[in-house]
Amino acid sequence: MAEPLIPAYPHPQFQPAMRIITAITNGFPAVVTTSFAHNYLTGLVVRLDIPDDYGMVQANQQFGPITVLSDTTFSIPIDTTFFDAFVVPSSAVISTLAQAVPMAEVSSQLYQAVRDVAPYIY
């Protein structure tokens, strides 16, 4: 079986940026794994974009404030216990990649929404 296609764009100019999802657990809360460091902070509100090819279509367009667990994992308060399993399809059938898309932030925090991480040019 061919390795799944997972592009890596580790240094987008604006943070937080969308990240490619490589795994989501069945449980509550769901634990999401990204293909490389997500650079998210706890409290960021993230939407899950899950194409049909990945299973777990019940999680598509669901969102919530996350709790960062590691550089590449976070939990999200979505009960995926009885959802279909999340699977990364082979590269031959991928039409769109599963993504975690930042969409809001806890208003008392407002740190991530204003970060431009581009290097200064003199």
PDB file of N, CA and C in Angstrom:
ATOM      1  N   MET A   1       0.841  -1.174   0.000  1.00  0.00           N
ATOM      2  CA  MET A   1       0.000   0.000   0.000  1.00  0.00           C
ATOM      3  C   MET A   1       0.888   1.241   0.000  1.00  0.00           C
ATOM      4  N   ALA A   2       0.562   2.207  -0.808  1.00  0.00           N
ATOM      5  CA  ALA A   2       1.359   3.429  -0.924  1.00  0.00           C
ATOM      6  C   ALA A   2       1.222   4.278   0.337  1.00  0.00           C
ATOM      7  N   GLU A   3       2.283   5.000   0.659  1.00  0.00           N
ATOM      8  CA  GLU A   3       2.251   5.907   1.793  1.00  0.00           C
ATOM      9  C   GLU A   3       1.279   7.049   1.502  1.00  0.00           C
ATOM     10  N   PRO A   4       0.511   7.512   2.511  1.00  0.00           N
ATOM     11  CA  PRO A   4      -0.418   8.611   2.264  1.00  0.00           C
ATOM     12  C   PRO A   4       0.330   9.899   1.954  1.00  0.00           C
ATOM     13  N   LEU A   5      -0.276  10.723   1.141  1.00  0.00           N
ATOM     14  CA  LEU A   5       0.302  12.003   0.756  1.00  0.00           C
ATOM     15  C   LEU A   5       0.044  13.012   1.864  1.00  0.00           C
ATOM     16  N   ILE A   6       1.104  13.498   2.523  1.00  0.00           N
ATOM     17  CA  ILE A   6       0.963  14.479   3.587  1.00  0.00           C
ATOM     18  C   ILE A   6       1.992  15.580   3.348  1.00  0.00           C
ATOM     19  N   PRO A   7       1.571  16.674   2.729  1.00  0.00           N
ATOM     20  CA  PRO A   7       2.527  17.750   2.475  1.00  0.00           C
ATOM     21  C   PRO A   7       2.920  18.452   3.772  1.00  0.00           C
ATOM     22  N   ALA A   8       4.078  19.041   3.800  1.00  0.00           N
ATOM     23  CA  ALA A   8       4.551  19.745   4.992  1.00  0.00           C
ATOM     24  C   ALA A   8       4.824  21.204   4.655  1.00  0.00           C
ATOM     25  N   TYR A   9       4.142  22.096   5.313  1.00  0.00           N
ATOM     26  CA  TYR A   9       4.341  23.533   5.165  1.00  0.00           C
ATOM     27  C   TYR A   9       4.603  24.091   6.560  1.00  0.00           C
ATOM     28  N   PRO A  10       5.787  23.854   7.112  1.00  0.00           N
ATOM     29  CA  PRO A  10       6.016  24.147   8.523  1.00  0.00           C
ATOM     30  C   PRO A  10       6.146  25.623   8.883  1.00  0.00           C
ATOM     31  N   HIS A  11       6.300  26.520   7.923  1.00  0.00           N
ATOM     32  CA  HIS A  11       6.561  27.906   8.284  1.00  0.00           C
ATOM     33  C   HIS A  11       5.672  28.906   7.550  1.00  0.00           C
ATOM     34  N   PRO A  12       4.342  28.824   7.721  1.00  0.00           N
ATOM     35  CA  PRO A  12       3.501  29.831   7.081  1.00  0.00           C
ATOM     36  C   PRO A  12       3.727  31.193   7.736  1.00  0.00           C
ATOM     37  N   GLN A  13       3.462  32.262   7.013  1.00  0.00           N
ATOM     38  CA  GLN A  13       3.719  33.597   7.532  1.00  0.00           C
ATOM     39  C   GLN A  13       2.826  33.936   8.707  1.00  0.00           C
ATOM     40  N   PHE A  14       1.553  33.649   8.614  1.00  0.00           N
ATOM     41  CA  PHE A  14       0.638  34.010   9.681  1.00  0.00           C
ATOM     42  C   PHE A  14       0.318  32.797  10.526  1.00  0.00           C
ATOM     43  N   GLN A  15       0.346  32.999  11.834  1.00  0.00           N
ATOM     44  CA  GLN A  15       0.023  31.937  12.776  1.00  0.00           C
ATOM     45  C   GLN A  15      -1.219  32.359  13.533  1.00  0.00           C
ATOM     46  N   PRO A  16      -2.066  31.509  13.980  1.00  0.00           N
ATOM     47  CA  PRO A  16      -1.967  30.081  13.724  1.00  0.00           C
ATOM     48  C   PRO A  16      -2.487  29.728  12.345  1.00  0.00           C
ATOM     49  N   ALA A  17      -1.915  28.744  11.750  1.00  0.00           N
ATOM     50  CA  ALA A  17      -2.279  28.327  10.400  1.00  0.00           C
ATOM     51  C   ALA A  17      -2.983  26.983  10.455  1.00  0.00           C
ATOM     52  N   MET A  18      -3.665  26.631   9.371  1.00  0.00           N
ATOM     53  CA  MET A  18      -4.292  25.314   9.314  1.00  0.00           C
ATOM     54  C   MET A  18      -3.205  24.252   9.351  1.00  0.00           C
ATOM     55  N   ARG A  19      -3.576  23.088   9.826  1.00  0.00           N
ATOM     56  CA  ARG A  19      -2.657  21.960   9.879  1.00  0.00           C
ATOM     57  C   ARG A  19      -3.343  20.716   9.312  1.00  0.00           C
ATOM     58  N   ILE A  20      -2.553  19.847   8.721  1.00  0.00           N
ATOM     59  CA  ILE A  20      -3.040  18.582   8.182  1.00  0.00           C
ATOM     60  C   ILE A  20      -3.237  17.603   9.340  1.00  0.00           C
ATOM     61  N   ILE A  21      -4.392  16.950   9.371  1.00  0.00           N
ATOM     62  CA  ILE A  21      -4.697  15.970  10.414  1.00  0.00           C
ATOM     63  C   ILE A  21      -4.286  14.582   9.932  1.00  0.00           C
ATOM     64  N   THR A  22      -3.554  13.859  10.801  1.00  0.00           N
ATOM     65  CA  THR A  22      -3.149  12.495  10.459  1.00  0.00           C
ATOM     66  C   THR A  22      -3.876  11.453  11.301  1.00  0.00           C
ATOM     67  N   ALA A  23      -4.527  11.881  12.399  1.00  0.00           N
ATOM     68  CA  ALA A  23      -5.262  10.933  13.237  1.00  0.00           C
ATOM     69  C   ALA A  23      -6.235  11.688  14.138  1.00  0.00           C
ATOM     70  N   ILE A  24      -7.358  11.033  14.423  1.00  0.00           N
ATOM     71  CA  ILE A  24      -8.313  11.506  15.430  1.00  0.00           C
ATOM     72  C   ILE A  24      -8.781  10.268  16.180  1.00  0.00           C
ATOM     73  N   THR A  25      -8.748  10.334  17.495  1.00  0.00           N
ATOM     74  CA  THR A  25      -9.180   9.189  18.300  1.00  0.00           C
ATOM     75  C   THR A  25     -10.695   9.139  18.407  1.00  0.00           C
ATOM     76  N   ASN A  26     -11.208   7.951  18.673  1.00  0.00           N
ATOM     77  CA  ASN A  26     -12.614   7.799  19.032  1.00  0.00           C
ATOM     78  C   ASN A  26     -12.692   7.888  20.549  1.00  0.00           C
ATOM     79  N   GLY A  27     -13.274   8.954  21.055  1.00  0.00           N
ATOM     80  CA  GLY A  27     -13.386   9.142  22.495  1.00  0.00           C
ATOM     81  C   GLY A  27     -13.872  10.536  22.815  1.00  0.00           C
ATOM     82  N   PHE A  28     -13.935  10.828  24.112  1.00  0.00           N
ATOM     83  CA  PHE A  28     -14.301  12.171  24.555  1.00  0.00           C
ATOM     84  C   PHE A  28     -13.367  12.587  25.664  1.00  0.00           C
ATOM     85  N   PRO A  29     -12.618  13.648  25.469  1.00  0.00           N
ATOM     86  CA  PRO A  29     -12.548  14.448  24.249  1.00  0.00           C
ATOM     87  C   PRO A  29     -11.767  13.714  23.158  1.00  0.00           C
ATOM     88  N   ALA A  30     -11.959  14.131  21.924  1.00  0.00           N
ATOM     89  CA  ALA A  30     -11.196  13.562  20.814  1.00  0.00           C
ATOM     90  C   ALA A  30      -9.778  14.114  20.866  1.00  0.00           C
ATOM     91  N   VAL A  31      -8.803  13.292  20.536  1.00  0.00           N
ATOM     92  CA  VAL A  31      -7.411  13.734  20.446  1.00  0.00           C
ATOM     93  C   VAL A  31      -7.040  13.752  18.967  1.00  0.00           C
ATOM     94  N   VAL A  32      -6.561  14.914  18.517  1.00  0.00           N
ATOM     95  CA  VAL A  32      -6.218  15.132  17.114  1.00  0.00           C
ATOM     96  C   VAL A  32      -4.702  15.189  16.988  1.00  0.00           C
ATOM     97  N   THR A  33      -4.162  14.489  15.994  1.00  0.00           N
ATOM     98  CA  THR A  33      -2.725  14.517  15.711  1.00  0.00           C
ATOM     99  C   THR A  33      -2.514  15.201  14.373  1.00  0.00           C
ATOM    100  N   THR A  34      -1.534  16.113  14.335  1.00  0.00           N
ATOM    101  CA  THR A  34      -1.209  16.834  13.100  1.00  0.00           C
ATOM    102  C   THR A  34       0.091  16.304  12.513  1.00  0.00           C
ATOM    103  N   SER A  35       0.309  16.579  11.230  1.00  0.00           N
ATOM    104  CA  SER A  35       1.462  16.018  10.528  1.00  0.00           C
ATOM    105  C   SER A  35       2.788  16.636  10.947  1.00  0.00           C
ATOM    106  N   PHE A  36       2.770  17.800  11.553  1.00  0.00           N
ATOM    107  CA  PHE A  36       3.966  18.438  12.109  1.00  0.00           C
ATOM    108  C   PHE A  36       3.503  19.421  13.174  1.00  0.00           C
ATOM    109  N   ALA A  37       4.432  20.058  13.860  1.00  0.00           N
ATOM    110  CA  ALA A  37       4.094  20.942  14.984  1.00  0.00           C
ATOM    111  C   ALA A  37       3.028  21.963  14.590  1.00  0.00           C
ATOM    112  N   HIS A  38       1.972  22.025  15.385  1.00  0.00           N
ATOM    113  CA  HIS A  38       0.843  22.902  15.051  1.00  0.00           C
ATOM    114  C   HIS A  38       1.036  24.336  15.546  1.00  0.00           C
ATOM    115  N   ASN A  39       1.841  24.568  16.545  1.00  0.00           N
ATOM    116  CA  ASN A  39       2.090  25.899  17.117  1.00  0.00           C
ATOM    117  C   ASN A  39       0.831  26.535  17.698  1.00  0.00           C
ATOM    118  N   TYR A  40      -0.142  25.724  18.096  1.00  0.00           N
ATOM    119  CA  TYR A  40      -1.374  26.238  18.692  1.00  0.00           C
ATOM    120  C   TYR A  40      -1.184  26.399  20.193  1.00  0.00           C
ATOM    121  N   LEU A  41      -2.028  27.220  20.786  1.00  0.00           N
ATOM    122  CA  LEU A  41      -2.069  27.399  22.228  1.00  0.00           C
ATOM    123  C   LEU A  41      -3.426  26.941  22.745  1.00  0.00           C
ATOM    124  N   THR A  42      -3.457  26.472  23.985  1.00  0.00           N
ATOM    125  CA  THR A  42      -4.715  26.077  24.610  1.00  0.00           C
ATOM    126  C   THR A  42      -5.680  27.258  24.578  1.00  0.00           C
ATOM    127  N   GLY A  43      -6.935  26.992  24.221  1.00  0.00           N
ATOM    128  CA  GLY A  43      -7.954  28.030  24.140  1.00  0.00           C
ATOM    129  C   GLY A  43      -8.286  28.450  22.717  1.00  0.00           C
ATOM    130  N   LEU A  44      -7.438  28.081  21.760  1.00  0.00           N
ATOM    131  CA  LEU A  44      -7.722  28.380  20.365  1.00  0.00           C
ATOM    132  C   LEU A  44      -8.942  27.555  19.940  1.00  0.00           C
ATOM    133  N   VAL A  45      -9.851  28.153  19.198  1.00  0.00           N
ATOM    134  CA  VAL A  45     -11.022  27.429  18.695  1.00  0.00           C
ATOM    135  C   VAL A  45     -10.681  26.939  17.290  1.00  0.00           C
ATOM    136  N   VAL A  46     -10.790  25.627  17.105  1.00  0.00           N
ATOM    137  CA  VAL A  46     -10.394  24.973  15.858  1.00  0.00           C
ATOM    138  C   VAL A  46     -11.592  24.256  15.257  1.00  0.00           C
ATOM    139  N   ARG A  47     -11.734  24.357  13.925  1.00  0.00           N
ATOM    140  CA  ARG A  47     -12.758  23.616  13.185  1.00  0.00           C
ATOM    141  C   ARG A  47     -12.082  22.430  12.500  1.00  0.00           C
ATOM    142  N   LEU A  48     -12.735  21.295  12.491  1.00  0.00           N
ATOM    143  CA  LEU A  48     -12.222  20.118  11.805  1.00  0.00           C
ATOM    144  C   LEU A  48     -12.871  20.025  10.431  1.00  0.00           C
ATOM    145  N   ASP A  49     -12.059  19.953   9.391  1.00  0.00           N
ATOM    146  CA  ASP A  49     -12.541  19.743   8.026  1.00  0.00           C
ATOM    147  C   ASP A  49     -12.148  18.326   7.628  1.00  0.00           C
ATOM    148  N   ILE A  50     -13.133  17.433   7.588  1.00  0.00           N
ATOM    149  CA  ILE A  50     -12.867  16.019   7.345  1.00  0.00           C
ATOM    150  C   ILE A  50     -13.551  15.588   6.044  1.00  0.00           C
ATOM    151  N   PRO A  51     -12.795  15.387   4.972  1.00  0.00           N
ATOM    152  CA  PRO A  51     -13.386  14.903   3.712  1.00  0.00           C
ATOM    153  C   PRO A  51     -13.926  13.481   3.874  1.00  0.00           C
ATOM    154  N   ASP A  52     -14.852  13.109   3.020  1.00  0.00           N
ATOM    155  CA  ASP A  52     -15.474  11.781   3.063  1.00  0.00           C
ATOM    156  C   ASP A  52     -14.456  10.648   3.017  1.00  0.00           C
ATOM    157  N   ASP A  53     -13.354  10.838   2.281  1.00  0.00           N
ATOM    158  CA  ASP A  53     -12.342   9.787   2.117  1.00  0.00           C
ATOM    159  C   ASP A  53     -11.725   9.335   3.437  1.00  0.00           C
ATOM    160  N   TYR A  54     -11.814  10.161   4.485  1.00  0.00           N
ATOM    161  CA  TYR A  54     -11.139   9.890   5.747  1.00  0.00           C
ATOM    162  C   TYR A  54     -12.017   9.182   6.773  1.00  0.00           C
ATOM    163  N   GLY A  55     -13.252   8.851   6.437  1.00  0.00           N
ATOM    164  CA  GLY A  55     -14.144   8.310   7.454  1.00  0.00           C
ATOM    165  C   GLY A  55     -14.475   9.433   8.430  1.00  0.00           C
ATOM    166  N   MET A  56     -14.945   9.110   9.592  1.00  0.00           N
ATOM    167  CA  MET A  56     -15.284  10.071  10.640  1.00  0.00           C
ATOM    168  C   MET A  56     -15.931  11.348  10.094  1.00  0.00           C
ATOM    169  N   VAL A  57     -16.804  11.203   9.116  1.00  0.00           N
ATOM    170  CA  VAL A  57     -17.472  12.372   8.524  1.00  0.00           C
ATOM    171  C   VAL A  57     -18.375  13.079   9.539  1.00  0.00           C
ATOM    172  N   GLN A  58     -18.731  12.389  10.624  1.00  0.00           N
ATOM    173  CA  GLN A  58     -19.562  13.001  11.655  1.00  0.00           C
ATOM    174  C   GLN A  58     -18.845  14.173  12.333  1.00  0.00           C
ATOM    175  N   ALA A  59     -17.512  14.193  12.288  1.00  0.00           N
ATOM    176  CA  ALA A  59     -16.737  15.273  12.900  1.00  0.00           C
ATOM    177  C   ALA A  59     -16.537  16.463  11.964  1.00  0.00           C
ATOM    178  N   ASN A  60     -16.897  16.301  10.699  1.00  0.00           N
ATOM    179  CA  ASN A  60     -16.704  17.376   9.728  1.00  0.00           C
ATOM    180  C   ASN A  60     -17.453  18.638  10.150  1.00  0.00           C
ATOM    181  N   GLN A  61     -16.743  19.764  10.134  1.00  0.00           N
ATOM    182  CA  GLN A  61     -17.262  21.094  10.458  1.00  0.00           C
ATOM    183  C   GLN A  61     -17.580  21.278  11.936  1.00  0.00           C
ATOM    184  N   GLN A  62     -17.214  20.321  12.784  1.00  0.00           N
ATOM    185  CA  GLN A  62     -17.387  20.510  14.222  1.00  0.00           C
ATOM    186  C   GLN A  62     -16.200  21.312  14.735  1.00  0.00           C
ATOM    187  N   PHE A  63     -16.409  22.050  15.816  1.00  0.00           N
ATOM    188  CA  PHE A  63     -15.358  22.924  16.334  1.00  0.00           C
ATOM    189  C   PHE A  63     -15.446  23.036  17.841  1.00  0.00           C
ATOM    190  N   GLY A  64     -14.363  23.524  18.430  1.00  0.00           N
ATOM    191  CA  GLY A  64     -14.339  23.749  19.863  1.00  0.00           C
ATOM    192  C   GLY A  64     -12.992  24.269  20.299  1.00  0.00           C
ATOM    193  N   PRO A  65     -12.912  24.762  21.541  1.00  0.00           N
ATOM    194  CA  PRO A  65     -11.632  25.231  22.079  1.00  0.00           C
ATOM    195  C   PRO A  65     -10.747  24.031  22.401  1.00  0.00           C
ATOM    196  N   ILE A  66      -9.493  24.120  22.040  1.00  0.00           N
ATOM    197  CA  ILE A  66      -8.595  22.980  22.201  1.00  0.00           C
ATOM    198  C   ILE A  66      -7.762  23.085  23.469  1.00  0.00           C
ATOM    199  N   THR A  67      -7.236  21.935  23.874  1.00  0.00           N
ATOM    200  CA  THR A  67      -6.241  21.850  24.934  1.00  0.00           C
ATOM    201  C   THR A  67      -5.011  21.216  24.311  1.00  0.00           C
ATOM    202  N   VAL A  68      -3.898  21.928  24.301  1.00  0.00           N
ATOM    203  CA  VAL A  68      -2.672  21.413  23.690  1.00  0.00           C
ATOM    204  C   VAL A  68      -2.093  20.315  24.574  1.00  0.00           C
ATOM    205  N   LEU A  69      -1.781  19.170  23.962  1.00  0.00           N
ATOM    206  CA  LEU A  69      -1.194  18.038  24.669  1.00  0.00           C
ATOM    207  C   LEU A  69       0.285  17.872  24.354  1.00  0.00           C
ATOM    208  N   SER A  70       0.671  18.201  23.117  1.00  0.00           N
ATOM    209  CA  SER A  70       2.075  18.120  22.698  1.00  0.00           C
ATOM    210  C   SER A  70       2.241  18.994  21.464  1.00  0.00           C
ATOM    211  N   ASP A  71       3.440  18.987  20.888  1.00  0.00           N
ATOM    212  CA  ASP A  71       3.694  19.785  19.681  1.00  0.00           C
ATOM    213  C   ASP A  71       2.800  19.390  18.513  1.00  0.00           C
ATOM    214  N   THR A  72       2.376  18.128  18.478  1.00  0.00           N
ATOM    215  CA  THR A  72       1.585  17.648  17.336  1.00  0.00           C
ATOM    216  C   THR A  72       0.210  17.098  17.730  1.00  0.00           C
ATOM    217  N   THR A  73      -0.181  17.218  18.994  1.00  0.00           N
ATOM    218  CA  THR A  73      -1.494  16.724  19.403  1.00  0.00           C
ATOM    219  C   THR A  73      -2.232  17.758  20.234  1.00  0.00           C
ATOM    220  N   PHE A  74      -3.557  17.725  20.124  1.00  0.00           N
ATOM    221  CA  PHE A  74      -4.417  18.534  20.993  1.00  0.00           C
ATOM    222  C   PHE A  74      -5.727  17.786  21.182  1.00  0.00           C
ATOM    223  N   SER A  75      -6.407  18.082  22.283  1.00  0.00           N
ATOM    224  CA  SER A  75      -7.732  17.506  22.482  1.00  0.00           C
ATOM    225  C   SER A  75      -8.760  18.580  22.178  1.00  0.00           C
ATOM    226  N   ILE A  76      -9.938  18.133  21.763  1.00  0.00           N
ATOM    227  CA  ILE A  76     -11.030  19.021  21.411  1.00  0.00           C
ATOM    228  C   ILE A  76     -12.304  18.406  21.997  1.00  0.00           C
ATOM    229  N   PRO A  77     -13.151  19.199  22.641  1.00  0.00           N
ATOM    230  CA  PRO A  77     -14.322  18.635  23.322  1.00  0.00           C
ATOM    231  C   PRO A  77     -15.443  18.223  22.367  1.00  0.00           C
ATOM    232  N   ILE A  78     -15.144  17.243  21.539  1.00  0.00           N
ATOM    233  CA  ILE A  78     -16.115  16.637  20.632  1.00  0.00           C
ATOM    234  C   ILE A  78     -16.155  15.156  20.998  1.00  0.00           C
ATOM    235  N   ASP A  79     -17.345  14.626  21.207  1.00  0.00           N
ATOM    236  CA  ASP A  79     -17.471  13.207  21.558  1.00  0.00           C
ATOM    237  C   ASP A  79     -17.507  12.377  20.277  1.00  0.00           C
ATOM    238  N   THR A  80     -16.375  11.767  19.952  1.00  0.00           N
ATOM    239  CA  THR A  80     -16.255  10.952  18.738  1.00  0.00           C
ATOM    240  C   THR A  80     -16.355   9.456  19.047  1.00  0.00           C
ATOM    241  N   THR A  81     -16.780   9.129  20.257  1.00  0.00           N
ATOM    242  CA  THR A  81     -16.807   7.740  20.711  1.00  0.00           C
ATOM    243  C   THR A  81     -17.482   6.804  19.715  1.00  0.00           C
ATOM    244  N   PHE A  82     -18.617   7.212  19.178  1.00  0.00           N
ATOM    245  CA  PHE A  82     -19.376   6.332  18.285  1.00  0.00           C
ATOM    246  C   PHE A  82     -19.326   6.788  16.828  1.00  0.00           C
ATOM    247  N   PHE A  83     -18.372   7.652  16.502  1.00  0.00           N
ATOM    248  CA  PHE A  83     -18.182   8.077  15.119  1.00  0.00           C
ATOM    249  C   PHE A  83     -17.453   6.978  14.343  1.00  0.00           C
ATOM    250  N   ASP A  84     -17.532   7.035  13.029  1.00  0.00           N
ATOM    251  CA  ASP A  84     -16.726   6.135  12.202  1.00  0.00           C
ATOM    252  C   ASP A  84     -15.250   6.386  12.509  1.00  0.00           C
ATOM    253  N   ALA A  85     -14.414   5.388  12.312  1.00  0.00           N
ATOM    254  CA  ALA A  85     -12.973   5.532  12.550  1.00  0.00           C
ATOM    255  C   ALA A  85     -12.364   6.513  11.549  1.00  0.00           C
ATOM    256  N   PHE A  86     -11.379   7.277  11.997  1.00  0.00           N
ATOM    257  CA  PHE A  86     -10.625   8.173  11.123  1.00  0.00           C
ATOM    258  C   PHE A  86      -9.516   7.360  10.467  1.00  0.00           C
ATOM    259  N   VAL A  87      -9.434   7.410   9.138  1.00  0.00           N
ATOM    260  CA  VAL A  87      -8.384   6.704   8.406  1.00  0.00           C
ATOM    261  C   VAL A  87      -7.821   7.618   7.334  1.00  0.00           C
ATOM    262  N   VAL A  88      -6.508   7.619   7.186  1.00  0.00           N
ATOM    263  CA  VAL A  88      -5.877   8.386   6.110  1.00  0.00           C
ATOM    264  C   VAL A  88      -5.889   7.503   4.876  1.00  0.00           C
ATOM    265  N   PRO A  89      -6.580   7.938   3.825  1.00  0.00           N
ATOM    266  CA  PRO A  89      -6.656   7.108   2.613  1.00  0.00           C
ATOM    267  C   PRO A  89      -5.316   7.063   1.882  1.00  0.00           C
ATOM    268  N   SER A  90      -5.178   6.099   0.990  1.00  0.00           N
ATOM    269  CA  SER A  90      -3.960   6.038   0.184  1.00  0.00           C
ATOM    270  C   SER A  90      -3.907   7.270  -0.715  1.00  0.00           C
ATOM    271  N   SER A  91      -2.715   7.653  -1.123  1.00  0.00           N
ATOM    272  CA  SER A  91      -2.541   8.864  -1.935  1.00  0.00           C
ATOM    273  C   SER A  91      -3.307   8.788  -3.252  1.00  0.00           C
ATOM    274  N   ALA A  92      -3.639   7.593  -3.695  1.00  0.00           N
ATOM    275  CA  ALA A  92      -4.335   7.444  -4.971  1.00  0.00           C
ATOM    276  C   ALA A  92      -5.775   7.950  -4.913  1.00  0.00           C
ATOM    277  N   VAL A  93      -6.354   8.005  -3.720  1.00  0.00           N
ATOM    278  CA  VAL A  93      -7.762   8.399  -3.624  1.00  0.00           C
ATOM    279  C   VAL A  93      -7.999   9.718  -2.888  1.00  0.00           C
ATOM    280  N   ILE A  94      -6.958  10.371  -2.425  1.00  0.00           N
ATOM    281  CA  ILE A  94      -7.140  11.628  -1.686  1.00  0.00           C
ATOM    282  C   ILE A  94      -7.603  12.721  -2.632  1.00  0.00           C
ATOM    283  N   SER A  95      -8.723  13.339  -2.289  1.00  0.00           N
ATOM    284  CA  SER A  95      -9.184  14.482  -3.069  1.00  0.00           C
ATOM    285  C   SER A  95      -8.857  15.781  -2.336  1.00  0.00           C
ATOM    286  N   THR A  96      -9.064  15.791  -1.039  1.00  0.00           N
ATOM    287  CA  THR A  96      -8.755  16.931  -0.184  1.00  0.00           C
ATOM    288  C   THR A  96      -8.209  16.378   1.127  1.00  0.00           C
ATOM    289  N   LEU A  97      -7.266  17.067   1.742  1.00  0.00           N
ATOM    290  CA  LEU A  97      -6.676  16.604   2.996  1.00  0.00           C
ATOM    291  C   LEU A  97      -7.537  17.014   4.179  1.00  0.00           C
ATOM    292  N   ALA A  98      -7.547  16.182   5.227  1.00  0.00           N
ATOM    293  CA  ALA A  98      -8.221  16.530   6.469  1.00  0.00           C
ATOM    294  C   ALA A  98      -7.421  17.649   7.139  1.00  0.00           C
ATOM    295  N   GLN A  99      -8.120  18.653   7.663  1.00  0.00           N
ATOM    296  CA  GLN A  99      -7.439  19.826   8.202  1.00  0.00           C
ATOM    297  C   GLN A  99      -8.029  20.277   9.530  1.00  0.00           C
ATOM    298  N   ALA A 100      -7.166  20.836  10.371  1.00  0.00           N
ATOM    299  CA  ALA A 100      -7.576  21.574  11.565  1.00  0.00           C
ATOM    300  C   ALA A 100      -7.430  23.041  11.190  1.00  0.00           C
ATOM    301  N   VAL A 101      -8.526  23.791  11.288  1.00  0.00           N
ATOM    302  CA  VAL A 101      -8.530  25.180  10.833  1.00  0.00           C
ATOM    303  C   VAL A 101      -8.850  26.101  12.001  1.00  0.00           C
ATOM    304  N   PRO A 102      -7.886  26.918  12.454  1.00  0.00           N
ATOM    305  CA  PRO A 102      -8.178  27.879  13.515  1.00  0.00           C
ATOM    306  C   PRO A 102      -9.250  28.863  13.050  1.00  0.00           C
ATOM    307  N   MET A 103     -10.209  29.161  13.935  1.00  0.00           N
ATOM    308  CA  MET A 103     -11.296  30.045  13.524  1.00  0.00           C
ATOM    309  C   MET A 103     -11.643  31.104  14.557  1.00  0.00           C
ATOM    310  N   ALA A 104     -11.171  30.958  15.773  1.00  0.00           N
ATOM    311  CA  ALA A 104     -11.495  31.934  16.816  1.00  0.00           C
ATOM    312  C   ALA A 104     -10.542  31.712  17.979  1.00  0.00           C
ATOM    313  N   GLU A 105     -10.722  32.538  18.982  1.00  0.00           N
ATOM    314  CA  GLU A 105      -9.858  32.433  20.146  1.00  0.00           C
ATOM    315  C   GLU A 105     -10.637  32.867  21.372  1.00  0.00           C
ATOM    316  N   VAL A 106     -10.291  32.331  22.512  1.00  0.00           N
ATOM    317  CA  VAL A 106     -10.913  32.769  23.748  1.00  0.00           C
ATOM    318  C   VAL A 106     -10.631  34.260  23.881  1.00  0.00           C
ATOM    319  N   SER A 107     -11.682  35.067  24.035  1.00  0.00           N
ATOM    320  CA  SER A 107     -11.529  36.525  23.946  1.00  0.00           C
ATOM    321  C   SER A 107     -10.609  37.125  25.000  1.00  0.00           C
ATOM    322  N   SER A 108     -10.469  36.484  26.155  1.00  0.00           N
ATOM    323  CA  SER A 108      -9.566  37.023  27.172  1.00  0.00           C
ATOM    324  C   SER A 108      -8.101  36.772  26.825  1.00  0.00           C
ATOM    325  N   GLN A 109      -7.857  35.915  25.839  1.00  0.00           N
ATOM    326  CA  GLN A 109      -6.492  35.552  25.461  1.00  0.00           C
ATOM    327  C   GLN A 109      -5.992  36.428  24.321  1.00  0.00           C
ATOM    328  N   LEU A 110      -6.613  36.338  23.167  1.00  0.00           N
ATOM    329  CA  LEU A 110      -6.280  37.123  21.975  1.00  0.00           C
ATOM    330  C   LEU A 110      -4.783  37.303  21.745  1.00  0.00           C
ATOM    331  N   TYR A 111      -4.070  36.213  21.750  1.00  0.00           N
ATOM    332  CA  TYR A 111      -2.648  36.270  21.444  1.00  0.00           C
ATOM    333  C   TYR A 111      -2.374  35.756  20.041  1.00  0.00           C
ATOM    334  N   GLN A 112      -2.967  34.637  19.711  1.00  0.00           N
ATOM    335  CA  GLN A 112      -2.634  33.998  18.448  1.00  0.00           C
ATOM    336  C   GLN A 112      -3.187  34.741  17.238  1.00  0.00           C
ATOM    337  N   ALA A 113      -4.311  35.404  17.388  1.00  0.00           N
ATOM    338  CA  ALA A 113      -4.960  36.066  16.250  1.00  0.00           C
ATOM    339  C   ALA A 113      -4.157  37.241  15.713  1.00  0.00           C
ATOM    340  N   VAL A 114      -3.170  37.687  16.441  1.00  0.00           N
ATOM    341  CA  VAL A 114      -2.421  38.875  16.017  1.00  0.00           C
ATOM    342  C   VAL A 114      -0.957  38.590  15.732  1.00  0.00           C
ATOM    343  N   ARG A 115      -0.579  37.325  15.613  1.00  0.00           N
ATOM    344  CA  ARG A 115       0.824  36.986  15.380  1.00  0.00           C
ATOM    345  C   ARG A 115       1.142  36.912  13.903  1.00  0.00           C
ATOM    346  N   ASP A 116       2.100  37.709  13.462  1.00  0.00           N
ATOM    347  CA  ASP A 116       2.670  37.602  12.122  1.00  0.00           C
ATOM    348  C   ASP A 116       4.100  37.160  12.359  1.00  0.00           C
ATOM    349  N   VAL A 117       4.429  35.969  11.910  1.00  0.00           N
ATOM    350  CA  VAL A 117       5.733  35.401  12.220  1.00  0.00           C
ATOM    351  C   VAL A 117       6.739  35.565  11.084  1.00  0.00           C
ATOM    352  N   ALA A 118       6.415  36.405  10.115  1.00  0.00           N
ATOM    353  CA  ALA A 118       7.354  36.648   9.015  1.00  0.00           C
ATOM    354  C   ALA A 118       8.586  37.367   9.565  1.00  0.00           C
ATOM    355  N   PRO A 119       9.744  37.058   9.043  1.00  0.00           N
ATOM    356  CA  PRO A 119      10.946  37.766   9.486  1.00  0.00           C
ATOM    357  C   PRO A 119      10.889  39.229   9.035  1.00  0.00           C
ATOM    358  N   TYR A 120      11.448  40.071   9.857  1.00  0.00           N
ATOM    359  CA  TYR A 120      11.497  41.495   9.492  1.00  0.00           C
ATOM    360  C   TYR A 120      12.448  41.695   8.321  1.00  0.00           C
ATOM    361  N   ILE A 121      12.048  42.535   7.397  1.00  0.00           N
ATOM    362  CA  ILE A 121      12.884  42.852   6.232  1.00  0.00           C
ATOM    363  C   ILE A 121      13.280  44.319   6.343  1.00  0.00           C
ATOM    364  N   TYR A 122      14.555  44.574   6.322  1.00  0.00           N
ATOM    365  CA  TYR A 122      15.035  45.954   6.462  1.00  0.00           C
ATOM    366  C   TYR A 122      15.425  46.539   5.126  1.00  0.00           C
TER     367      TYR A 122
END
